[in-house]
Protein backbone atom coordinates (compact mmCIF):
# COMPACT_ATOMS: atom_id res chain seq x y z
CA MET A 1 111.03 62.01 0.16
CA SER A 2 114.98 62.48 0.68
CA ASN A 3 116.86 64.16 -2.06
CA GLU A 4 120.59 62.42 -0.58
CA ILE A 5 122.76 61.25 -3.24
CA VAL A 6 123.89 57.56 -2.53
CA MET A 7 126.54 55.72 -4.89
CA TYR A 8 126.86 51.97 -4.67
CA ALA A 9 130.81 51.80 -5.07
CA SER A 10 133.60 49.52 -4.94
CA ALA A 11 137.18 50.57 -3.81
CA TRP A 12 138.88 49.21 -6.33
CA CYS A 13 136.96 49.94 -8.87
CA GLY A 14 138.07 52.52 -11.95
CA TYR A 15 134.45 53.83 -12.59
CA CYS A 16 133.33 53.88 -9.35
CA HIS A 17 136.64 56.75 -9.00
CA ARG A 18 135.68 58.71 -11.96
CA ALA A 19 132.06 58.67 -10.79
CA ARG A 20 133.34 60.09 -7.47
CA SER A 21 135.44 62.48 -8.70
CA LEU A 22 132.98 63.74 -10.75
CA LEU A 23 130.03 64.55 -7.93
CA GLN A 24 133.39 65.51 -5.66
CA SER A 25 133.73 68.09 -8.51
CA LYS A 26 130.10 69.30 -8.35
CA ASN A 27 131.01 70.29 -4.21
CA VAL A 28 128.03 68.02 -3.69
CA ALA A 29 127.51 65.73 -0.71
CA PHE A 30 126.80 62.36 -1.38
CA ARG A 31 126.89 59.34 0.48
CA GLU A 32 129.37 56.24 -0.69
CA MET A 33 128.09 52.43 0.32
CA VAL A 34 131.05 50.68 -0.16
CA ILE A 35 129.64 46.73 -1.20
CA ASP A 36 133.48 45.34 -1.26
CA GLY A 37 132.88 42.15 1.15
CA ASN A 38 129.13 42.77 2.07
CA SER A 39 127.14 40.78 0.31
CA GLU A 40 123.84 42.20 2.29
CA LEU A 41 124.68 45.50 0.62
CA ARG A 42 125.46 43.70 -2.46
CA GLN A 43 122.02 42.71 -2.50
CA GLU A 44 120.47 45.79 -1.57
CA MET A 45 121.95 47.55 -4.74
CA ILE A 46 121.00 45.04 -6.38
CA ALA A 47 117.01 44.80 -5.44
CA ARG A 48 116.78 49.12 -5.96
CA ALA A 49 119.09 49.43 -9.07
CA GLY A 50 118.41 46.04 -10.44
CA ARG A 51 121.89 45.91 -11.82
CA GLN A 52 125.02 43.65 -10.29
CA THR A 53 127.59 46.10 -11.48
CA VAL A 54 129.15 49.45 -9.41
CA PRO A 55 128.41 52.35 -9.26
CA GLN A 56 125.23 52.76 -8.91
CA ILE A 57 124.37 56.00 -8.68
CA PHE A 58 120.98 57.16 -6.49
CA ILE A 59 118.89 60.87 -5.87
CA GLY A 60 116.55 59.65 -3.62
CA GLU A 61 114.69 56.98 -4.58
CA HIS A 62 115.40 57.98 -8.84
CA HIS A 63 118.04 55.60 -10.04
CA LEU A 64 120.01 57.57 -12.19
CA GLY A 65 122.70 54.62 -13.53
CA GLY A 66 126.11 54.53 -13.59
CA CYS A 67 129.07 56.33 -14.19
CA ASP A 68 128.03 56.11 -17.80
CA GLU A 69 125.05 57.87 -17.33
CA LEU A 70 126.41 60.21 -15.00
CA VAL A 71 128.62 61.25 -17.35
CA ALA A 72 126.24 62.00 -20.32
CA LEU A 73 124.47 63.89 -18.17
CA GLU A 74 127.40 65.89 -17.30
CA LEU A 75 128.10 65.99 -21.44
CA ALA A 76 124.48 67.03 -22.10
CA GLY A 77 124.77 69.52 -19.92
CA GLU A 78 122.26 68.52 -17.79
CA LEU A 79 123.60 67.17 -14.15
CA ASP A 80 124.52 70.93 -12.96
CA ALA A 81 120.78 71.77 -12.99
CA LEU A 82 119.82 68.57 -11.65
CA LEU A 83 121.81 68.78 -9.06
CA ALA A 84 121.56 72.87 -8.57
CA GLY A 85 117.31 71.78 -8.60
CA ASN A 86 118.01 69.09 -5.56
CA PHE A 87 120.63 69.53 -3.72
CA ILE A 88 122.62 71.45 -0.85
CA THR A 89 126.27 72.20 -1.98
CA ALA A 90 128.26 70.63 0.29
């Protein structure tokens, strides 16, 4: 099972920017899938996440959720442990 972090995002989305900034501050490698103008990629995101909003963040096949869930993990002190246990820093 891959532990790759994938974030479906939009270039103009403020929540995407916040999630991107938080992941970058953690020095973790992640792949950003920009769905702007790409209906196939948007449909892939909806199929995987069951949601239509961006960002949608995955660790491997595990769906973390969006920006609010990512920030909640950080505020609860759980994000570092999750990332440290599963990922090599960039």
